[in-house]
């Protein structure tokens, strides 16, 4: 069975300036258990809180540690509605339709 990708968001309290390598070492996580591309994200610098994506198995293993919080929701962020370029095109078409309707109405008045 293939290993699951890191998709579970957890936060951990670490010393200021910590790196992903520091977090992995502190939490005893293997490289395959952490999303290296996501990295270690500073969530609250004053509280030295950092977020990282880990596998579900890793999250379950570190969950009871006092410096770890989570797992947290990590919904996929996607645009709402059509892309901006489509909206501009639709707005332009709508304007053209309105102008054409106005021209037709003027012709009917004559």
PDB file of N, CA and C in Angstrom:
ATOM      1  N   UNK A   1       0.842  -1.180   0.000  1.00  0.00           N
ATOM      2  CA  UNK A   1       0.000   0.000   0.000  1.00  0.00           C
ATOM      3  C   UNK A   1       0.893   1.252   0.000  1.00  0.00           C
ATOM      4  N   UNK A   2       0.587   2.201  -0.874  1.00  0.00           N
ATOM      5  CA  UNK A   2       1.384   3.424  -0.988  1.00  0.00           C
ATOM      6  C   UNK A   2       1.113   4.342   0.197  1.00  0.00           C
ATOM      7  N   UNK A   3       2.140   5.070   0.584  1.00  0.00           N
ATOM      8  CA  UNK A   3       2.000   6.020   1.694  1.00  0.00           C
ATOM      9  C   UNK A   3       1.052   7.141   1.285  1.00  0.00           C
ATOM     10  N   UNK A   4       0.261   7.614   2.254  1.00  0.00           N
ATOM     11  CA  UNK A   4      -0.646   8.720   1.978  1.00  0.00           C
ATOM     12  C   UNK A   4       0.133  10.025   1.932  1.00  0.00           C
ATOM     13  N   UNK A   5      -0.310  10.958   1.074  1.00  0.00           N
ATOM     14  CA  UNK A   5       0.383  12.248   1.013  1.00  0.00           C
ATOM     15  C   UNK A   5       0.072  13.085   2.251  1.00  0.00           C
ATOM     16  N   UNK A   6       0.954  14.005   2.596  1.00  0.00           N
ATOM     17  CA  UNK A   6       0.706  14.895   3.735  1.00  0.00           C
ATOM     18  C   UNK A   6      -0.443  15.852   3.424  1.00  0.00           C
ATOM     19  N   UNK A   7      -1.558  15.707   4.126  1.00  0.00           N
ATOM     20  CA  UNK A   7      -2.722  16.565   3.886  1.00  0.00           C
ATOM     21  C   UNK A   7      -3.351  17.089   5.168  1.00  0.00           C
ATOM     22  N   UNK A   8      -2.783  16.746   6.315  1.00  0.00           N
ATOM     23  CA  UNK A   8      -3.368  17.128   7.596  1.00  0.00           C
ATOM     24  C   UNK A   8      -2.601  18.306   8.181  1.00  0.00           C
ATOM     25  N   UNK A   9      -3.325  19.367   8.499  1.00  0.00           N
ATOM     26  CA  UNK A   9      -2.704  20.583   9.011  1.00  0.00           C
ATOM     27  C   UNK A   9      -2.626  20.533  10.528  1.00  0.00           C
ATOM     28  N   UNK A  10      -1.441  20.728  11.057  1.00  0.00           N
ATOM     29  CA  UNK A  10      -1.242  20.831  12.508  1.00  0.00           C
ATOM     30  C   UNK A  10      -0.411  22.075  12.788  1.00  0.00           C
ATOM     31  N   UNK A  11      -0.513  22.563  14.009  1.00  0.00           N
ATOM     32  CA  UNK A  11       0.360  23.661  14.434  1.00  0.00           C
ATOM     33  C   UNK A  11       1.203  23.176  15.589  1.00  0.00           C
ATOM     34  N   UNK A  12       2.373  23.774  15.707  1.00  0.00           N
ATOM     35  CA  UNK A  12       3.312  23.373  16.747  1.00  0.00           C
ATOM     36  C   UNK A  12       4.019  24.625  17.263  1.00  0.00           C
ATOM     37  N   UNK A  13       4.291  24.648  18.547  1.00  0.00           N
ATOM     38  CA  UNK A  13       5.044  25.743  19.152  1.00  0.00           C
ATOM     39  C   UNK A  13       6.514  25.354  19.144  1.00  0.00           C
ATOM     40  N   UNK A  14       7.322  26.211  18.517  1.00  0.00           N
ATOM     41  CA  UNK A  14       8.764  25.972  18.371  1.00  0.00           C
ATOM     42  C   UNK A  14       9.522  27.254  18.693  1.00  0.00           C
ATOM     43  N   UNK A  15      10.821  27.158  18.931  1.00  0.00           N
ATOM     44  CA  UNK A  15      11.611  28.378  19.162  1.00  0.00           C
ATOM     45  C   UNK A  15      11.568  29.301  17.942  1.00  0.00           C
ATOM     46  N   UNK A  16      11.699  30.612  18.159  1.00  0.00           N
ATOM     47  CA  UNK A  16      11.704  31.564  17.042  1.00  0.00           C
ATOM     48  C   UNK A  16      12.760  31.190  16.005  1.00  0.00           C
ATOM     49  N   UNK A  17      12.407  31.394  14.741  1.00  0.00           N
ATOM     50  CA  UNK A  17      13.355  31.134  13.659  1.00  0.00           C
ATOM     51  C   UNK A  17      13.497  29.668  13.284  1.00  0.00           C
ATOM     52  N   UNK A  18      12.615  28.825  13.792  1.00  0.00           N
ATOM     53  CA  UNK A  18      12.700  27.394  13.488  1.00  0.00           C
ATOM     54  C   UNK A  18      12.484  27.139  12.004  1.00  0.00           C
ATOM     55  N   UNK A  19      13.047  26.058  11.535  1.00  0.00           N
ATOM     56  CA  UNK A  19      12.912  25.638  10.150  1.00  0.00           C
ATOM     57  C   UNK A  19      12.079  24.356  10.099  1.00  0.00           C
ATOM     58  N   UNK A  20      11.722  23.944   8.886  1.00  0.00           N
ATOM     59  CA  UNK A  20      10.987  22.694   8.725  1.00  0.00           C
ATOM     60  C   UNK A  20      11.824  21.527   9.241  1.00  0.00           C
ATOM     61  N   UNK A  21      13.106  21.596   9.012  1.00  0.00           N
ATOM     62  CA  UNK A  21      13.994  20.540   9.519  1.00  0.00           C
ATOM     63  C   UNK A  21      13.944  20.478  11.047  1.00  0.00           C
ATOM     64  N   UNK A  22      13.934  21.650  11.689  1.00  0.00           N
ATOM     65  CA  UNK A  22      13.821  21.702  13.153  1.00  0.00           C
ATOM     66  C   UNK A  22      12.510  21.074  13.613  1.00  0.00           C
ATOM     67  N   UNK A  23      11.418  21.403  12.919  1.00  0.00           N
ATOM     68  CA  UNK A  23      10.109  20.858  13.281  1.00  0.00           C
ATOM     69  C   UNK A  23      10.096  19.343  13.114  1.00  0.00           C
ATOM     70  N   UNK A  24      10.631  18.859  12.007  1.00  0.00           N
ATOM     71  CA  UNK A  24      10.688  17.412  11.779  1.00  0.00           C
ATOM     72  C   UNK A  24      11.486  16.717  12.876  1.00  0.00           C
ATOM     73  N   UNK A  25      12.627  17.296  13.223  1.00  0.00           N
ATOM     74  CA  UNK A  25      13.478  16.710  14.258  1.00  0.00           C
ATOM     75  C   UNK A  25      12.755  16.715  15.602  1.00  0.00           C
ATOM     76  N   UNK A  26      12.136  17.845  15.950  1.00  0.00           N
ATOM     77  CA  UNK A  26      11.442  17.985  17.231  1.00  0.00           C
ATOM     78  C   UNK A  26      10.272  17.009  17.346  1.00  0.00           C
ATOM     79  N   UNK A  27       9.524  16.820  16.248  1.00  0.00           N
ATOM     80  CA  UNK A  27       8.351  15.956  16.261  1.00  0.00           C
ATOM     81  C   UNK A  27       8.667  14.519  15.843  1.00  0.00           C
ATOM     82  N   UNK A  28       9.940  14.277  15.528  1.00  0.00           N
ATOM     83  CA  UNK A  28      10.393  12.952  15.097  1.00  0.00           C
ATOM     84  C   UNK A  28       9.618  12.459  13.881  1.00  0.00           C
ATOM     85  N   UNK A  29       9.565  13.311  12.855  1.00  0.00           N
ATOM     86  CA  UNK A  29       8.869  12.996  11.613  1.00  0.00           C
ATOM     87  C   UNK A  29       9.863  12.730  10.495  1.00  0.00           C
ATOM     88  N   UNK A  30       9.540  11.787   9.648  1.00  0.00           N
ATOM     89  CA  UNK A  30      10.358  11.516   8.479  1.00  0.00           C
ATOM     90  C   UNK A  30      10.010  12.485   7.358  1.00  0.00           C
ATOM     91  N   UNK A  31      10.919  12.632   6.412  1.00  0.00           N
ATOM     92  CA  UNK A  31      10.701  13.550   5.287  1.00  0.00           C
ATOM     93  C   UNK A  31       9.433  13.203   4.517  1.00  0.00           C
ATOM     94  N   UNK A  32       9.120  11.906   4.401  1.00  0.00           N
ATOM     95  CA  UNK A  32       7.934  11.476   3.661  1.00  0.00           C
ATOM     96  C   UNK A  32       6.629  11.771   4.395  1.00  0.00           C
ATOM     97  N   UNK A  33       6.714  12.154   5.664  1.00  0.00           N
ATOM     98  CA  UNK A  33       5.525  12.443   6.465  1.00  0.00           C
ATOM     99  C   UNK A  33       5.142  13.921   6.452  1.00  0.00           C
ATOM    100  N   UNK A  34       5.958  14.737   5.803  1.00  0.00           N
ATOM    101  CA  UNK A  34       5.768  16.187   5.809  1.00  0.00           C
ATOM    102  C   UNK A  34       5.727  16.711   4.376  1.00  0.00           C
ATOM    103  N   UNK A  35       4.852  17.682   4.132  1.00  0.00           N
ATOM    104  CA  UNK A  35       4.799  18.316   2.813  1.00  0.00           C
ATOM    105  C   UNK A  35       5.900  19.373   2.747  1.00  0.00           C
ATOM    106  N   UNK A  36       6.980  19.006   2.083  1.00  0.00           N
ATOM    107  CA  UNK A  36       8.143  19.906   1.985  1.00  0.00           C
ATOM    108  C   UNK A  36       7.799  21.178   1.211  1.00  0.00           C
ATOM    109  N   UNK A  37       6.919  21.072   0.213  1.00  0.00           N
ATOM    110  CA  UNK A  37       6.554  22.249  -0.592  1.00  0.00           C
ATOM    111  C   UNK A  37       5.750  23.248   0.239  1.00  0.00           C
ATOM    112  N   UNK A  38       4.900  22.758   1.120  1.00  0.00           N
ATOM    113  CA  UNK A  38       4.119  23.638   2.005  1.00  0.00           C
ATOM    114  C   UNK A  38       5.059  24.314   2.992  1.00  0.00           C
ATOM    115  N   UNK A  39       6.003  23.538   3.495  1.00  0.00           N
ATOM    116  CA  UNK A  39       6.999  24.085   4.403  1.00  0.00           C
ATOM    117  C   UNK A  39       6.484  24.286   5.820  1.00  0.00           C
ATOM    118  N   UNK A  40       7.189  25.118   6.547  1.00  0.00           N
ATOM    119  CA  UNK A  40       6.824  25.493   7.910  1.00  0.00           C
ATOM    120  C   UNK A  40       6.375  26.951   7.851  1.00  0.00           C
ATOM    121  N   UNK A  41       5.111  27.198   8.174  1.00  0.00           N
ATOM    122  CA  UNK A  41       4.522  28.531   8.032  1.00  0.00           C
ATOM    123  C   UNK A  41       4.324  29.155   9.402  1.00  0.00           C
ATOM    124  N   UNK A  42       4.873  30.343   9.591  1.00  0.00           N
ATOM    125  CA  UNK A  42       4.684  31.061  10.847  1.00  0.00           C
ATOM    126  C   UNK A  42       3.237  31.549  10.911  1.00  0.00           C
ATOM    127  N   UNK A  43       2.507  31.066  11.931  1.00  0.00           N
ATOM    128  CA  UNK A  43       1.097  31.415  12.088  1.00  0.00           C
ATOM    129  C   UNK A  43       0.934  32.564  13.071  1.00  0.00           C
ATOM    130  N   UNK A  44       1.658  32.501  14.167  1.00  0.00           N
ATOM    131  CA  UNK A  44       1.588  33.531  15.206  1.00  0.00           C
ATOM    132  C   UNK A  44       2.992  33.736  15.759  1.00  0.00           C
ATOM    133  N   UNK A  45       3.721  34.702  15.197  1.00  0.00           N
ATOM    134  CA  UNK A  45       5.110  34.913  15.617  1.00  0.00           C
ATOM    135  C   UNK A  45       5.273  35.209  17.102  1.00  0.00           C
ATOM    136  N   UNK A  46       4.323  35.912  17.699  1.00  0.00           N
ATOM    137  CA  UNK A  46       4.436  36.228  19.131  1.00  0.00           C
ATOM    138  C   UNK A  46       4.340  34.984  20.006  1.00  0.00           C
ATOM    139  N   UNK A  47       3.558  33.991  19.552  1.00  0.00           N
ATOM    140  CA  UNK A  47       3.393  32.744  20.305  1.00  0.00           C
ATOM    141  C   UNK A  47       4.319  31.640  19.792  1.00  0.00           C
ATOM    142  N   UNK A  48       5.128  31.964  18.768  1.00  0.00           N
ATOM    143  CA  UNK A  48       6.059  31.003  18.165  1.00  0.00           C
ATOM    144  C   UNK A  48       5.311  29.782  17.623  1.00  0.00           C
ATOM    145  N   UNK A  49       4.151  30.038  17.023  1.00  0.00           N
ATOM    146  CA  UNK A  49       3.304  28.983  16.489  1.00  0.00           C
ATOM    147  C   UNK A  49       3.528  28.850  14.982  1.00  0.00           C
ATOM    148  N   UNK A  50       3.719  27.613  14.557  1.00  0.00           N
ATOM    149  CA  UNK A  50       3.990  27.312  13.156  1.00  0.00           C
ATOM    150  C   UNK A  50       3.027  26.237  12.671  1.00  0.00           C
ATOM    151  N   UNK A  51       2.681  26.283  11.384  1.00  0.00           N
ATOM    152  CA  UNK A  51       1.822  25.265  10.774  1.00  0.00           C
ATOM    153  C   UNK A  51       2.634  24.437   9.797  1.00  0.00           C
ATOM    154  N   UNK A  52       2.255  23.164   9.688  1.00  0.00           N
ATOM    155  CA  UNK A  52       2.843  22.287   8.684  1.00  0.00           C
ATOM    156  C   UNK A  52       1.832  21.221   8.306  1.00  0.00           C
ATOM    157  N   UNK A  53       1.976  20.707   7.092  1.00  0.00           N
ATOM    158  CA  UNK A  53       1.121  19.632   6.602  1.00  0.00           C
ATOM    159  C   UNK A  53       1.836  18.312   6.807  1.00  0.00           C
ATOM    160  N   UNK A  54       1.143  17.390   7.427  1.00  0.00           N
ATOM    161  CA  UNK A  54       1.711  16.069   7.698  1.00  0.00           C
ATOM    162  C   UNK A  54       0.713  14.997   7.264  1.00  0.00           C
ATOM    163  N   UNK A  55       1.151  13.764   7.231  1.00  0.00           N
ATOM    164  CA  UNK A  55       0.241  12.662   6.927  1.00  0.00           C
ATOM    165  C   UNK A  55      -0.731  12.486   8.087  1.00  0.00           C
ATOM    166  N   UNK A  56      -1.860  11.851   7.821  1.00  0.00           N
ATOM    167  CA  UNK A  56      -2.844  11.599   8.870  1.00  0.00           C
ATOM    168  C   UNK A  56      -2.233  10.748   9.981  1.00  0.00           C
ATOM    169  N   UNK A  57      -1.402   9.786   9.602  1.00  0.00           N
ATOM    170  CA  UNK A  57      -0.758   8.925  10.597  1.00  0.00           C
ATOM    171  C   UNK A  57       0.180   9.728  11.499  1.00  0.00           C
ATOM    172  N   UNK A  58       0.941  10.630  10.900  1.00  0.00           N
ATOM    173  CA  UNK A  58       1.860  11.460  11.683  1.00  0.00           C
ATOM    174  C   UNK A  58       1.080  12.391  12.615  1.00  0.00           C
ATOM    175  N   UNK A  59      -0.023  12.953  12.114  1.00  0.00           N
ATOM    176  CA  UNK A  59      -0.842  13.843  12.943  1.00  0.00           C
ATOM    177  C   UNK A  59      -1.390  13.095  14.158  1.00  0.00           C
ATOM    178  N   UNK A  60      -1.825  11.871  13.942  1.00  0.00           N
ATOM    179  CA  UNK A  60      -2.345  11.067  15.053  1.00  0.00           C
ATOM    180  C   UNK A  60      -1.249  10.767  16.070  1.00  0.00           C
ATOM    181  N   UNK A  61      -0.036  10.564  15.592  1.00  0.00           N
ATOM    182  CA  UNK A  61       1.082  10.230  16.476  1.00  0.00           C
ATOM    183  C   UNK A  61       1.518  11.416  17.332  1.00  0.00           C
ATOM    184  N   UNK A  62       1.511  12.634  16.769  1.00  0.00           N
ATOM    185  CA  UNK A  62       2.002  13.806  17.510  1.00  0.00           C
ATOM    186  C   UNK A  62       0.881  14.562  18.229  1.00  0.00           C
ATOM    187  N   UNK A  63      -0.345  14.160  18.017  1.00  0.00           N
ATOM    188  CA  UNK A  63      -1.505  14.875  18.545  1.00  0.00           C
ATOM    189  C   UNK A  63      -1.460  15.089  20.052  1.00  0.00           C
ATOM    190  N   UNK A  64      -0.995  14.173  20.828  1.00  0.00           N
ATOM    191  CA  UNK A  64      -0.997  14.300  22.276  1.00  0.00           C
ATOM    192  C   UNK A  64       0.132  15.140  22.849  1.00  0.00           C
ATOM    193  N   UNK A  65       1.072  15.565  22.024  1.00  0.00           N
ATOM    194  CA  UNK A  65       2.183  16.373  22.531  1.00  0.00           C
ATOM    195  C   UNK A  65       1.677  17.754  22.949  1.00  0.00           C
ATOM    196  N   UNK A  66       2.161  18.286  24.069  1.00  0.00           N
ATOM    197  CA  UNK A  66       1.638  19.566  24.572  1.00  0.00           C
ATOM    198  C   UNK A  66       1.877  20.742  23.632  1.00  0.00           C
ATOM    199  N   UNK A  67       2.897  20.679  22.813  1.00  0.00           N
ATOM    200  CA  UNK A  67       3.204  21.806  21.918  1.00  0.00           C
ATOM    201  C   UNK A  67       2.488  21.714  20.577  1.00  0.00           C
ATOM    202  N   UNK A  68       1.718  20.657  20.357  1.00  0.00           N
ATOM    203  CA  UNK A  68       1.022  20.435  19.082  1.00  0.00           C
ATOM    204  C   UNK A  68      -0.465  20.711  19.241  1.00  0.00           C
ATOM    205  N   UNK A  69      -1.037  21.404  18.265  1.00  0.00           N
ATOM    206  CA  UNK A  69      -2.480  21.660  18.204  1.00  0.00           C
ATOM    207  C   UNK A  69      -2.978  21.154  16.853  1.00  0.00           C
ATOM    208  N   UNK A  70      -4.247  20.774  16.834  1.00  0.00           N
ATOM    209  CA  UNK A  70      -4.836  20.299  15.587  1.00  0.00           C
ATOM    210  C   UNK A  70      -5.218  18.849  15.717  1.00  0.00           C
ATOM    211  N   UNK A  71      -5.605  18.220  14.676  1.00  0.00           N
ATOM    212  CA  UNK A  71      -5.553  18.716  13.290  1.00  0.00           C
ATOM    213  C   UNK A  71      -6.600  19.795  13.033  1.00  0.00           C
ATOM    214  N   UNK A  72      -6.282  20.649  12.066  1.00  0.00           N
ATOM    215  CA  UNK A  72      -7.151  21.756  11.675  1.00  0.00           C
ATOM    216  C   UNK A  72      -7.714  21.488  10.287  1.00  0.00           C
ATOM    217  N   UNK A  73      -8.823  22.148   9.993  1.00  0.00           N
ATOM    218  CA  UNK A  73      -9.404  22.075   8.648  1.00  0.00           C
ATOM    219  C   UNK A  73      -8.413  22.694   7.664  1.00  0.00           C
ATOM    220  N   UNK A  74      -8.316  22.087   6.526  1.00  0.00           N
ATOM    221  CA  UNK A  74      -7.421  22.580   5.488  1.00  0.00           C
ATOM    222  C   UNK A  74      -8.135  22.498   4.148  1.00  0.00           C
ATOM    223  N   UNK A  75      -9.223  23.284   3.992  1.00  0.00           N
ATOM    224  CA  UNK A  75      -9.991  23.181   2.751  1.00  0.00           C
ATOM    225  C   UNK A  75      -9.215  23.703   1.556  1.00  0.00           C
ATOM    226  N   UNK A  76      -9.515  23.115   0.427  1.00  0.00           N
ATOM    227  CA  UNK A  76      -8.903  23.574  -0.817  1.00  0.00           C
ATOM    228  C   UNK A  76      -9.473  24.947  -1.133  1.00  0.00           C
ATOM    229  N   UNK A  77      -8.616  25.883  -1.452  1.00  0.00           N
ATOM    230  CA  UNK A  77      -9.058  27.236  -1.768  1.00  0.00           C
ATOM    231  C   UNK A  77      -9.136  27.358  -3.279  1.00  0.00           C
ATOM    232  N   UNK A  78     -10.324  27.687  -3.753  1.00  0.00           N
ATOM    233  CA  UNK A  78     -10.552  27.814  -5.187  1.00  0.00           C
ATOM    234  C   UNK A  78     -11.274  29.123  -5.448  1.00  0.00           C
ATOM    235  N   UNK A  79     -11.161  29.635  -6.660  1.00  0.00           N
ATOM    236  CA  UNK A  79     -11.856  30.886  -6.983  1.00  0.00           C
ATOM    237  C   UNK A  79     -13.369  30.696  -6.952  1.00  0.00           C
ATOM    238  N   UNK A  80     -14.065  31.751  -6.635  1.00  0.00           N
ATOM    239  CA  UNK A  80     -15.516  31.744  -6.628  1.00  0.00           C
ATOM    240  C   UNK A  80     -15.984  32.368  -7.933  1.00  0.00           C
ATOM    241  N   UNK A  81     -16.741  31.640  -8.709  1.00  0.00           N
ATOM    242  CA  UNK A  81     -17.256  32.153  -9.978  1.00  0.00           C
ATOM    243  C   UNK A  81     -16.246  31.990 -11.088  1.00  0.00           C
ATOM    244  N   UNK A  82     -16.573  32.503 -12.261  1.00  0.00           N
ATOM    245  CA  UNK A  82     -15.673  32.357 -13.404  1.00  0.00           C
ATOM    246  C   UNK A  82     -14.422  33.215 -13.220  1.00  0.00           C
ATOM    247  N   UNK A  83     -13.340  32.863 -13.907  1.00  0.00           N
ATOM    248  CA  UNK A  83     -12.120  33.678 -13.831  1.00  0.00           C
ATOM    249  C   UNK A  83     -12.405  35.114 -14.254  1.00  0.00           C
ATOM    250  N   UNK A  84     -11.607  36.029 -13.771  1.00  0.00           N
ATOM    251  CA  UNK A  84     -11.802  37.458 -14.052  1.00  0.00           C
ATOM    252  C   UNK A  84     -11.865  37.740 -15.549  1.00  0.00           C
ATOM    253  N   UNK A  85     -11.042  37.059 -16.354  1.00  0.00           N
ATOM    254  CA  UNK A  85     -11.042  37.314 -17.792  1.00  0.00           C
ATOM    255  C   UNK A  85     -12.392  36.942 -18.391  1.00  0.00           C
ATOM    256  N   UNK A  86     -13.035  35.877 -17.892  1.00  0.00           N
ATOM    257  CA  UNK A  86     -14.362  35.488 -18.373  1.00  0.00           C
ATOM    258  C   UNK A  86     -15.397  36.522 -17.973  1.00  0.00           C
ATOM    259  N   UNK A  87     -15.280  37.045 -16.750  1.00  0.00           N
ATOM    260  CA  UNK A  87     -16.234  38.059 -16.294  1.00  0.00           C
ATOM    261  C   UNK A  87     -16.134  39.307 -17.153  1.00  0.00           C
ATOM    262  N   UNK A  88     -14.910  39.715 -17.489  1.00  0.00           N
ATOM    263  CA  UNK A  88     -14.750  40.906 -18.331  1.00  0.00           C
ATOM    264  C   UNK A  88     -15.378  40.667 -19.694  1.00  0.00           C
ATOM    265  N   UNK A  89     -15.166  39.466 -20.237  1.00  0.00           N
ATOM    266  CA  UNK A  89     -15.723  39.147 -21.546  1.00  0.00           C
ATOM    267  C   UNK A  89     -17.253  39.139 -21.460  1.00  0.00           C
ATOM    268  N   UNK A  90     -17.808  38.544 -20.391  1.00  0.00           N
ATOM    269  CA  UNK A  90     -19.256  38.521 -20.219  1.00  0.00           C
ATOM    270  C   UNK A  90     -19.802  39.931 -20.043  1.00  0.00           C
ATOM    271  N   UNK A  91     -19.089  40.784 -19.296  1.00  0.00           N
ATOM    272  CA  UNK A  91     -19.525  42.166 -19.111  1.00  0.00           C
ATOM    273  C   UNK A  91     -19.525  42.910 -20.441  1.00  0.00           C
ATOM    274  N   UNK A  92     -18.488  42.677 -21.243  1.00  0.00           N
ATOM    275  CA  UNK A  92     -18.403  43.334 -22.549  1.00  0.00           C
ATOM    276  C   UNK A  92     -19.540  42.873 -23.446  1.00  0.00           C
ATOM    277  N   UNK A  93     -19.833  41.567 -23.438  1.00  0.00           N
ATOM    278  CA  UNK A  93     -20.924  41.040 -24.254  1.00  0.00           C
ATOM    279  C   UNK A  93     -22.252  41.595 -23.777  1.00  0.00           C
ATOM    280  N   UNK A  94     -22.417  41.721 -22.475  1.00  0.00           N
ATOM    281  CA  UNK A  94     -23.642  42.265 -21.915  1.00  0.00           C
ATOM    282  C   UNK A  94     -23.821  43.720 -22.341  1.00  0.00           C
ATOM    283  N   UNK A  95     -22.745  44.476 -22.330  1.00  0.00           N
ATOM    284  CA  UNK A  95     -22.788  45.873 -22.744  1.00  0.00           C
ATOM    285  C   UNK A  95     -23.144  45.965 -24.216  1.00  0.00           C
ATOM    286  N   UNK A  96     -22.555  45.099 -25.042  1.00  0.00           N
ATOM    287  CA  UNK A  96     -22.854  45.088 -26.471  1.00  0.00           C
ATOM    288  C   UNK A  96     -24.318  44.745 -26.699  1.00  0.00           C
ATOM    289  N   UNK A  97     -24.856  43.770 -25.958  1.00  0.00           N
ATOM    290  CA  UNK A  97     -26.256  43.388 -26.089  1.00  0.00           C
ATOM    291  C   UNK A  97     -27.172  44.537 -25.713  1.00  0.00           C
ATOM    292  N   UNK A  98     -26.817  45.251 -24.645  1.00  0.00           N
ATOM    293  CA  UNK A  98     -27.620  46.385 -24.194  1.00  0.00           C
ATOM    294  C   UNK A  98     -27.607  47.493 -25.230  1.00  0.00           C
ATOM    295  N   UNK A  99     -26.422  47.770 -25.778  1.00  0.00           N
ATOM    296  CA  UNK A  99     -26.312  48.813 -26.799  1.00  0.00           C
ATOM    297  C   UNK A  99     -27.097  48.428 -28.047  1.00  0.00           C
ATOM    298  N   UNK A 100     -27.051  47.149 -28.426  1.00  0.00           N
ATOM    299  CA  UNK A 100     -27.794  46.687 -29.599  1.00  0.00           C
ATOM    300  C   UNK A 100     -29.289  46.813 -29.360  1.00  0.00           C
ATOM    301  N   UNK A 101     -29.730  46.501 -28.145  1.00  0.00           N
ATOM    302  CA  UNK A 101     -31.154  46.614 -27.808  1.00  0.00           C
ATOM    303  C   UNK A 101     -31.574  48.073 -27.837  1.00  0.00           C
ATOM    304  N   UNK A 102     -30.720  48.969 -27.361  1.00  0.00           N
ATOM    305  CA  UNK A 102     -31.027  50.398 -27.392  1.00  0.00           C
ATOM    306  C   UNK A 102     -31.154  50.888 -28.825  1.00  0.00           C
ATOM    307  N   UNK A 103     -30.266  50.438 -29.710  1.00  0.00           N
ATOM    308  CA  UNK A 103     -30.305  50.820 -31.137  1.00  0.00           C
ATOM    309  C   UNK A 103     -31.604  50.343 -31.774  1.00  0.00           C
ATOM    310  N   UNK A 104     -32.019  49.124 -31.450  1.00  0.00           N
ATOM    311  CA  UNK A 104     -33.250  48.557 -31.992  1.00  0.00           C
ATOM    312  C   UNK A 104     -34.459  49.365 -31.520  1.00  0.00           C
ATOM    313  N   UNK A 105     -34.451  49.744 -30.252  1.00  0.00           N
ATOM    314  CA  UNK A 105     -35.548  50.523 -29.693  1.00  0.00           C
ATOM    315  C   UNK A 105     -35.635  51.874 -30.376  1.00  0.00           C
ATOM    316  N   UNK A 106     -34.485  52.493 -30.682  1.00  0.00           N
ATOM    317  CA  UNK A 106     -34.476  53.790 -31.376  1.00  0.00           C
ATOM    318  C   UNK A 106     -35.021  53.627 -32.771  1.00  0.00           C
ATOM    319  N   UNK A 107     -34.668  52.505 -33.473  1.00  0.00           N
ATOM    320  CA  UNK A 107     -35.182  52.286 -34.812  1.00  0.00           C
ATOM    321  C   UNK A 107     -36.693  52.102 -34.786  1.00  0.00           C
ATOM    322  N   UNK A 108     -37.238  51.446 -33.746  1.00  0.00           N
ATOM    323  CA  UNK A 108     -38.666  51.229 -33.644  1.00  0.00           C
ATOM    324  C   UNK A 108     -39.413  52.539 -33.410  1.00  0.00           C
ATOM    325  N   UNK A 109     -38.754  53.498 -32.745  1.00  0.00           N
ATOM    326  CA  UNK A 109     -39.372  54.784 -32.453  1.00  0.00           C
ATOM    327  C   UNK A 109     -39.499  55.651 -33.706  1.00  0.00           C
ATOM    328  N   UNK A 110     -38.715  55.360 -34.715  1.00  0.00           N
ATOM    329  CA  UNK A 110     -38.702  56.223 -35.917  1.00  0.00           C
ATOM    330  C   UNK A 110     -39.821  55.929 -36.820  1.00  0.00           C
TER     331      UNK A 110
END
